[in-house]
Amino acid sequence: QVQLVESGGGFVQTGDSLRLSCAASERTFSSNFMGWFRQAPGKERLFVAAINWGDSRTYYTDSVEGRFTISRDKAKNTVYLRMNSLKPEDTAVYYCAAKVRSGTNYYLERLYDYWGQGTQVIVSS
């Protein structure tokens, strides 16, 4: 059973930056995609960004394109989400997820196999 442990959330001001980290527990961990999703209060969980674990291609939802950067360190089994120019609408619980099964639908929450516990990001205006 793979465990994903997130860290790096916090309370920041508009325009600030944060970097979220997600470490996978198993040394032999191998996934198809690693993704970040977020859930704002009272809303559904939505796709934010994903990275192909093999070739490191990255994908973003439109609202974060150009501000957020997803990256991975294979040696550490860790994926990162660098968030710049944060806005109040970025406030949410951010979840890391691993998609082990094959396929390219990286944006579909239901296709991810493992999830972290979530880390809170609050952006104050």
N, C-alpha and C. Protein backbone atom coordinates (compact mmCIF):
# COMPACT_ATOMS: atom_id res chain seq x y z
N GLN A 1 0.85 -1.19 0.00
CA GLN A 1 0.00 0.00 0.00
C GLN A 1 0.88 1.25 0.00
N VAL A 2 0.72 2.04 -1.03
CA VAL A 2 1.51 3.27 -1.14
C VAL A 2 0.89 4.35 -0.27
N GLN A 3 1.72 5.04 0.46
CA GLN A 3 1.25 6.18 1.25
C GLN A 3 1.87 7.45 0.68
N LEU A 4 1.05 8.47 0.58
CA LEU A 4 1.51 9.77 0.09
C LEU A 4 1.39 10.77 1.23
N VAL A 5 2.47 11.46 1.48
CA VAL A 5 2.50 12.41 2.59
C VAL A 5 2.81 13.79 2.04
N GLU A 6 1.85 14.70 2.22
CA GLU A 6 2.00 16.06 1.72
C GLU A 6 2.52 16.97 2.82
N SER A 7 3.16 18.03 2.39
CA SER A 7 3.60 19.07 3.32
C SER A 7 3.75 20.38 2.56
N GLY A 8 3.84 21.47 3.31
CA GLY A 8 4.12 22.75 2.67
C GLY A 8 2.98 23.74 2.61
N GLY A 9 1.80 23.34 3.04
CA GLY A 9 0.69 24.28 3.02
C GLY A 9 0.87 25.35 4.08
N GLY A 10 -0.02 26.35 4.04
CA GLY A 10 0.07 27.40 5.03
C GLY A 10 -0.83 28.57 4.71
N PHE A 11 -0.63 29.63 5.48
CA PHE A 11 -1.41 30.86 5.34
C PHE A 11 -0.50 31.92 4.74
N VAL A 12 -0.90 32.46 3.59
CA VAL A 12 -0.06 33.44 2.90
C VAL A 12 -0.92 34.62 2.43
N GLN A 13 -0.25 35.64 1.95
CA GLN A 13 -0.92 36.81 1.40
C GLN A 13 -1.01 36.70 -0.12
N THR A 14 -1.93 37.44 -0.69
CA THR A 14 -2.05 37.49 -2.15
C THR A 14 -0.70 37.88 -2.76
N GLY A 15 -0.30 37.13 -3.79
CA GLY A 15 0.96 37.38 -4.46
C GLY A 15 2.13 36.58 -3.93
N ASP A 16 1.95 35.96 -2.79
CA ASP A 16 3.02 35.15 -2.21
C ASP A 16 3.17 33.82 -2.94
N SER A 17 4.18 33.07 -2.51
CA SER A 17 4.46 31.76 -3.11
C SER A 17 4.50 30.69 -2.03
N LEU A 18 4.22 29.47 -2.43
CA LEU A 18 4.35 28.30 -1.58
C LEU A 18 4.83 27.15 -2.44
N ARG A 19 5.50 26.19 -1.79
CA ARG A 19 5.84 24.97 -2.48
C ARG A 19 5.30 23.78 -1.67
N LEU A 20 4.45 23.01 -2.31
CA LEU A 20 3.93 21.80 -1.70
C LEU A 20 4.80 20.62 -2.11
N SER A 21 4.94 19.69 -1.19
CA SER A 21 5.69 18.47 -1.46
C SER A 21 4.82 17.26 -1.18
N CYS A 22 5.08 16.19 -1.90
CA CYS A 22 4.34 14.95 -1.71
C CYS A 22 5.33 13.80 -1.85
N ALA A 23 5.57 13.10 -0.77
CA ALA A 23 6.52 12.00 -0.76
C ALA A 23 5.79 10.67 -0.71
N ALA A 24 6.19 9.76 -1.58
CA ALA A 24 5.60 8.42 -1.61
C ALA A 24 6.42 7.50 -0.72
N SER A 25 5.73 6.59 -0.07
CA SER A 25 6.36 5.78 0.96
C SER A 25 7.25 4.68 0.43
N GLU A 26 6.97 4.15 -0.74
CA GLU A 26 7.68 2.98 -1.20
C GLU A 26 8.84 3.32 -2.13
N ARG A 27 9.95 2.70 -1.87
CA ARG A 27 11.12 2.96 -2.70
C ARG A 27 10.90 2.51 -4.13
N THR A 28 10.14 1.46 -4.30
CA THR A 28 9.90 0.94 -5.63
C THR A 28 8.65 1.51 -6.25
N PHE A 29 8.18 2.58 -5.68
CA PHE A 29 6.96 3.19 -6.17
C PHE A 29 7.08 3.54 -7.65
N SER A 30 6.06 3.20 -8.39
CA SER A 30 6.06 3.50 -9.81
C SER A 30 4.65 3.88 -10.22
N SER A 31 4.53 5.07 -10.76
CA SER A 31 3.20 5.50 -11.16
C SER A 31 3.21 5.95 -12.60
N ASN A 32 2.06 6.09 -13.14
CA ASN A 32 1.85 6.57 -14.49
C ASN A 32 1.84 8.09 -14.47
N PHE A 33 1.03 8.65 -13.57
CA PHE A 33 0.98 10.09 -13.36
C PHE A 33 0.94 10.38 -11.87
N MET A 34 1.49 11.52 -11.50
CA MET A 34 1.27 12.09 -10.18
C MET A 34 0.51 13.39 -10.41
N GLY A 35 -0.47 13.61 -9.55
CA GLY A 35 -1.29 14.78 -9.74
C GLY A 35 -1.54 15.54 -8.46
N TRP A 36 -1.94 16.78 -8.63
CA TRP A 36 -2.42 17.61 -7.53
C TRP A 36 -3.85 18.02 -7.84
N PHE A 37 -4.69 17.86 -6.84
CA PHE A 37 -6.08 18.30 -6.92
C PHE A 37 -6.31 19.25 -5.75
N ARG A 38 -7.37 20.02 -5.81
CA ARG A 38 -7.70 20.89 -4.70
C ARG A 38 -9.21 20.96 -4.50
N GLN A 39 -9.58 21.19 -3.25
CA GLN A 39 -10.98 21.27 -2.89
C GLN A 39 -11.20 22.50 -2.04
N ALA A 40 -11.94 23.45 -2.58
CA ALA A 40 -12.29 24.65 -1.84
C ALA A 40 -13.49 24.34 -0.95
N PRO A 41 -13.71 25.13 0.09
CA PRO A 41 -14.84 24.88 1.00
C PRO A 41 -16.16 24.84 0.26
N GLY A 42 -16.91 23.76 0.47
CA GLY A 42 -18.22 23.63 -0.12
C GLY A 42 -18.23 23.28 -1.59
N LYS A 43 -17.07 22.96 -2.14
CA LYS A 43 -16.99 22.66 -3.57
C LYS A 43 -16.38 21.29 -3.80
N GLU A 44 -16.49 20.80 -5.02
CA GLU A 44 -15.93 19.50 -5.36
C GLU A 44 -14.43 19.60 -5.54
N ARG A 45 -13.79 18.45 -5.48
CA ARG A 45 -12.35 18.38 -5.67
C ARG A 45 -12.06 18.47 -7.17
N LEU A 46 -11.10 19.33 -7.53
CA LEU A 46 -10.82 19.59 -8.93
C LEU A 46 -9.35 19.38 -9.26
N PHE A 47 -9.10 19.05 -10.50
CA PHE A 47 -7.75 18.86 -11.00
C PHE A 47 -6.99 20.19 -11.02
N VAL A 48 -5.70 20.13 -10.62
CA VAL A 48 -4.84 21.31 -10.67
C VAL A 48 -3.69 21.11 -11.64
N ALA A 49 -2.95 20.02 -11.43
CA ALA A 49 -1.76 19.78 -12.26
C ALA A 49 -1.40 18.30 -12.20
N ALA A 50 -0.69 17.85 -13.22
CA ALA A 50 -0.23 16.47 -13.24
C ALA A 50 1.11 16.40 -13.97
N ILE A 51 1.86 15.37 -13.62
CA ILE A 51 3.14 15.14 -14.28
C ILE A 51 3.24 13.66 -14.64
N ASN A 52 3.67 13.41 -15.85
CA ASN A 52 3.94 12.04 -16.26
C ASN A 52 5.22 11.60 -15.58
N TRP A 53 5.10 10.54 -14.78
CA TRP A 53 6.26 10.14 -13.98
C TRP A 53 7.43 9.70 -14.85
N GLY A 54 7.13 9.16 -16.00
CA GLY A 54 8.19 8.66 -16.86
C GLY A 54 8.92 9.74 -17.63
N ASP A 55 8.17 10.55 -18.39
CA ASP A 55 8.81 11.53 -19.26
C ASP A 55 8.73 12.96 -18.74
N SER A 56 8.14 13.15 -17.58
CA SER A 56 8.04 14.43 -16.88
C SER A 56 7.23 15.49 -17.63
N ARG A 57 6.42 15.09 -18.59
CA ARG A 57 5.52 16.06 -19.22
C ARG A 57 4.54 16.56 -18.17
N THR A 58 4.20 17.83 -18.26
CA THR A 58 3.34 18.44 -17.26
C THR A 58 2.05 18.97 -17.88
N TYR A 59 1.03 19.03 -17.04
CA TYR A 59 -0.29 19.45 -17.49
C TYR A 59 -0.93 20.28 -16.38
N TYR A 60 -1.68 21.32 -16.77
CA TYR A 60 -2.26 22.22 -15.78
C TYR A 60 -3.68 22.59 -16.15
N THR A 61 -4.46 22.89 -15.13
CA THR A 61 -5.74 23.49 -15.40
C THR A 61 -5.50 24.95 -15.77
N ASP A 62 -6.42 25.51 -16.53
CA ASP A 62 -6.21 26.85 -17.08
C ASP A 62 -5.95 27.91 -16.01
N SER A 63 -6.64 27.80 -14.90
CA SER A 63 -6.56 28.86 -13.88
C SER A 63 -5.21 28.96 -13.20
N VAL A 64 -4.37 27.95 -13.32
CA VAL A 64 -3.06 27.99 -12.67
C VAL A 64 -1.91 28.01 -13.68
N GLU A 65 -2.23 27.84 -14.94
CA GLU A 65 -1.19 27.84 -15.99
C GLU A 65 -0.37 29.12 -15.90
N GLY A 66 0.96 28.96 -15.88
CA GLY A 66 1.83 30.11 -15.79
C GLY A 66 2.16 30.56 -14.38
N ARG A 67 1.39 30.09 -13.41
CA ARG A 67 1.65 30.46 -12.00
C ARG A 67 2.15 29.27 -11.19
N PHE A 68 1.67 28.08 -11.50
CA PHE A 68 2.04 26.88 -10.77
C PHE A 68 2.97 26.03 -11.62
N THR A 69 3.87 25.33 -10.95
CA THR A 69 4.77 24.41 -11.64
C THR A 69 4.83 23.11 -10.87
N ILE A 70 4.54 22.03 -11.57
CA ILE A 70 4.65 20.70 -10.97
C ILE A 70 5.97 20.08 -11.43
N SER A 71 6.63 19.40 -10.51
CA SER A 71 7.90 18.76 -10.85
C SER A 71 8.04 17.50 -10.01
N ARG A 72 9.01 16.68 -10.36
CA ARG A 72 9.21 15.45 -9.61
C ARG A 72 10.68 15.13 -9.45
N ASP A 73 10.98 14.44 -8.35
CA ASP A 73 12.32 13.94 -8.08
C ASP A 73 12.19 12.43 -7.96
N LYS A 74 12.59 11.74 -9.00
CA LYS A 74 12.43 10.28 -9.00
C LYS A 74 13.21 9.63 -7.89
N ALA A 75 14.41 10.11 -7.64
CA ALA A 75 15.26 9.50 -6.61
C ALA A 75 14.62 9.57 -5.23
N LYS A 76 13.83 10.61 -5.01
CA LYS A 76 13.19 10.80 -3.70
C LYS A 76 11.74 10.36 -3.71
N ASN A 77 11.24 9.87 -4.86
CA ASN A 77 9.82 9.51 -4.97
C ASN A 77 8.93 10.67 -4.51
N THR A 78 9.28 11.85 -4.93
CA THR A 78 8.59 13.05 -4.45
C THR A 78 8.15 13.92 -5.61
N VAL A 79 6.97 14.46 -5.48
CA VAL A 79 6.45 15.42 -6.46
C VAL A 79 6.21 16.74 -5.74
N TYR A 80 6.42 17.82 -6.46
CA TYR A 80 6.31 19.15 -5.89
C TYR A 80 5.29 19.97 -6.68
N LEU A 81 4.72 20.95 -6.00
CA LEU A 81 3.87 21.93 -6.68
C LEU A 81 4.32 23.31 -6.21
N ARG A 82 5.00 24.00 -7.08
CA ARG A 82 5.41 25.35 -6.78
C ARG A 82 4.29 26.29 -7.20
N MET A 83 3.82 27.10 -6.27
CA MET A 83 2.69 27.99 -6.52
C MET A 83 3.14 29.44 -6.34
N ASN A 84 3.13 30.17 -7.41
CA ASN A 84 3.51 31.59 -7.38
C ASN A 84 2.28 32.47 -7.62
N SER A 85 2.43 33.73 -7.28
CA SER A 85 1.36 34.71 -7.51
C SER A 85 0.02 34.19 -7.00
N LEU A 86 0.02 33.73 -5.78
CA LEU A 86 -1.19 33.13 -5.22
C LEU A 86 -2.31 34.15 -5.09
N LYS A 87 -3.52 33.66 -5.29
CA LYS A 87 -4.72 34.48 -5.23
C LYS A 87 -5.67 33.90 -4.19
N PRO A 88 -6.58 34.71 -3.68
CA PRO A 88 -7.55 34.18 -2.71
C PRO A 88 -8.33 32.98 -3.25
N GLU A 89 -8.59 32.95 -4.53
CA GLU A 89 -9.33 31.83 -5.11
C GLU A 89 -8.51 30.55 -5.18
N ASP A 90 -7.25 30.61 -4.84
CA ASP A 90 -6.43 29.39 -4.73
C ASP A 90 -6.60 28.73 -3.37
N THR A 91 -7.31 29.37 -2.47
CA THR A 91 -7.55 28.80 -1.15
C THR A 91 -8.29 27.49 -1.26
N ALA A 92 -7.70 26.44 -0.68
CA ALA A 92 -8.29 25.09 -0.78
C ALA A 92 -7.42 24.12 0.01
N VAL A 93 -7.96 22.94 0.17
CA VAL A 93 -7.13 21.82 0.61
C VAL A 93 -6.56 21.17 -0.64
N TYR A 94 -5.25 21.02 -0.65
CA TYR A 94 -4.56 20.46 -1.81
C TYR A 94 -4.20 19.00 -1.53
N TYR A 95 -4.55 18.15 -2.48
CA TYR A 95 -4.31 16.73 -2.37
C TYR A 95 -3.35 16.25 -3.45
N CYS A 96 -2.42 15.43 -3.02
CA CYS A 96 -1.53 14.75 -3.94
C CYS A 96 -2.15 13.39 -4.25
N ALA A 97 -1.95 12.92 -5.49
CA ALA A 97 -2.51 11.64 -5.87
C ALA A 97 -1.60 10.94 -6.85
N ALA A 98 -1.66 9.62 -6.82
CA ALA A 98 -0.85 8.80 -7.72
C ALA A 98 -1.76 7.93 -8.57
N LYS A 99 -1.49 7.96 -9.85
CA LYS A 99 -2.26 7.15 -10.80
C LYS A 99 -1.34 6.05 -11.28
N VAL A 100 -1.61 4.84 -10.86
CA VAL A 100 -0.75 3.72 -11.20
C VAL A 100 -1.19 3.06 -12.50
N ARG A 101 -2.48 2.94 -12.67
CA ARG A 101 -3.00 2.26 -13.86
C ARG A 101 -2.61 3.03 -15.11
N SER A 102 -2.57 2.37 -16.22
CA SER A 102 -2.18 3.00 -17.48
C SER A 102 -3.29 3.90 -18.01
N GLY A 103 -2.95 4.72 -18.99
CA GLY A 103 -3.93 5.63 -19.56
C GLY A 103 -3.49 7.06 -19.39
N THR A 104 -4.05 7.94 -20.19
CA THR A 104 -3.58 9.32 -20.20
C THR A 104 -4.59 10.31 -19.65
N ASN A 105 -5.67 9.86 -19.06
CA ASN A 105 -6.67 10.77 -18.52
C ASN A 105 -6.24 11.26 -17.14
N TYR A 106 -5.17 12.04 -17.11
CA TYR A 106 -4.56 12.49 -15.88
C TYR A 106 -5.45 13.45 -15.09
N TYR A 107 -6.47 14.01 -15.70
CA TYR A 107 -7.31 15.02 -15.06
C TYR A 107 -8.51 14.41 -14.33
N LEU A 108 -8.72 13.11 -14.47
CA LEU A 108 -9.88 12.47 -13.87
C LEU A 108 -9.56 11.94 -12.49
N GLU A 109 -10.20 12.53 -11.50
CA GLU A 109 -9.98 12.15 -10.11
C GLU A 109 -10.21 10.67 -9.88
N ARG A 110 -11.22 10.11 -10.48
CA ARG A 110 -11.62 8.73 -10.22
C ARG A 110 -10.60 7.72 -10.71
N LEU A 111 -9.66 8.14 -11.53
CA LEU A 111 -8.67 7.21 -12.06
C LEU A 111 -7.40 7.14 -11.21
N TYR A 112 -7.34 7.95 -10.18
CA TYR A 112 -6.16 7.94 -9.31
C TYR A 112 -6.33 6.88 -8.23
N ASP A 113 -5.23 6.19 -7.94
CA ASP A 113 -5.29 5.03 -7.06
C ASP A 113 -4.95 5.34 -5.60
N TYR A 114 -4.09 6.30 -5.38
CA TYR A 114 -3.65 6.61 -4.01
C TYR A 114 -3.74 8.11 -3.80
N TRP A 115 -4.08 8.47 -2.56
CA TRP A 115 -4.26 9.88 -2.21
C TRP A 115 -3.56 10.20 -0.91
N GLY A 116 -3.07 11.44 -0.86
CA GLY A 116 -2.54 11.94 0.40
C GLY A 116 -3.66 12.46 1.28
N GLN A 117 -3.28 12.93 2.45
CA GLN A 117 -4.27 13.37 3.43
C GLN A 117 -4.73 14.80 3.20
N GLY A 118 -4.01 15.52 2.36
CA GLY A 118 -4.36 16.91 2.06
C GLY A 118 -3.58 17.89 2.91
N THR A 119 -3.32 19.04 2.33
CA THR A 119 -2.65 20.11 3.05
C THR A 119 -3.37 21.42 2.73
N GLN A 120 -3.64 22.20 3.77
CA GLN A 120 -4.44 23.41 3.62
C GLN A 120 -3.60 24.57 3.12
N VAL A 121 -4.14 25.26 2.13
CA VAL A 121 -3.54 26.50 1.64
C VAL A 121 -4.60 27.60 1.78
N ILE A 122 -4.24 28.65 2.48
CA ILE A 122 -5.14 29.80 2.65
C ILE A 122 -4.43 31.04 2.13
N VAL A 123 -5.07 31.71 1.20
CA VAL A 123 -4.50 32.92 0.63
C VAL A 123 -5.38 34.09 1.03
N SER A 124 -4.81 34.98 1.79
CA SER A 124 -5.56 36.13 2.29
C SER A 124 -5.41 37.32 1.35
N SER A 125 -6.49 38.06 1.23
CA SER A 125 -6.45 39.26 0.40
C SER A 125 -6.02 40.48 1.22
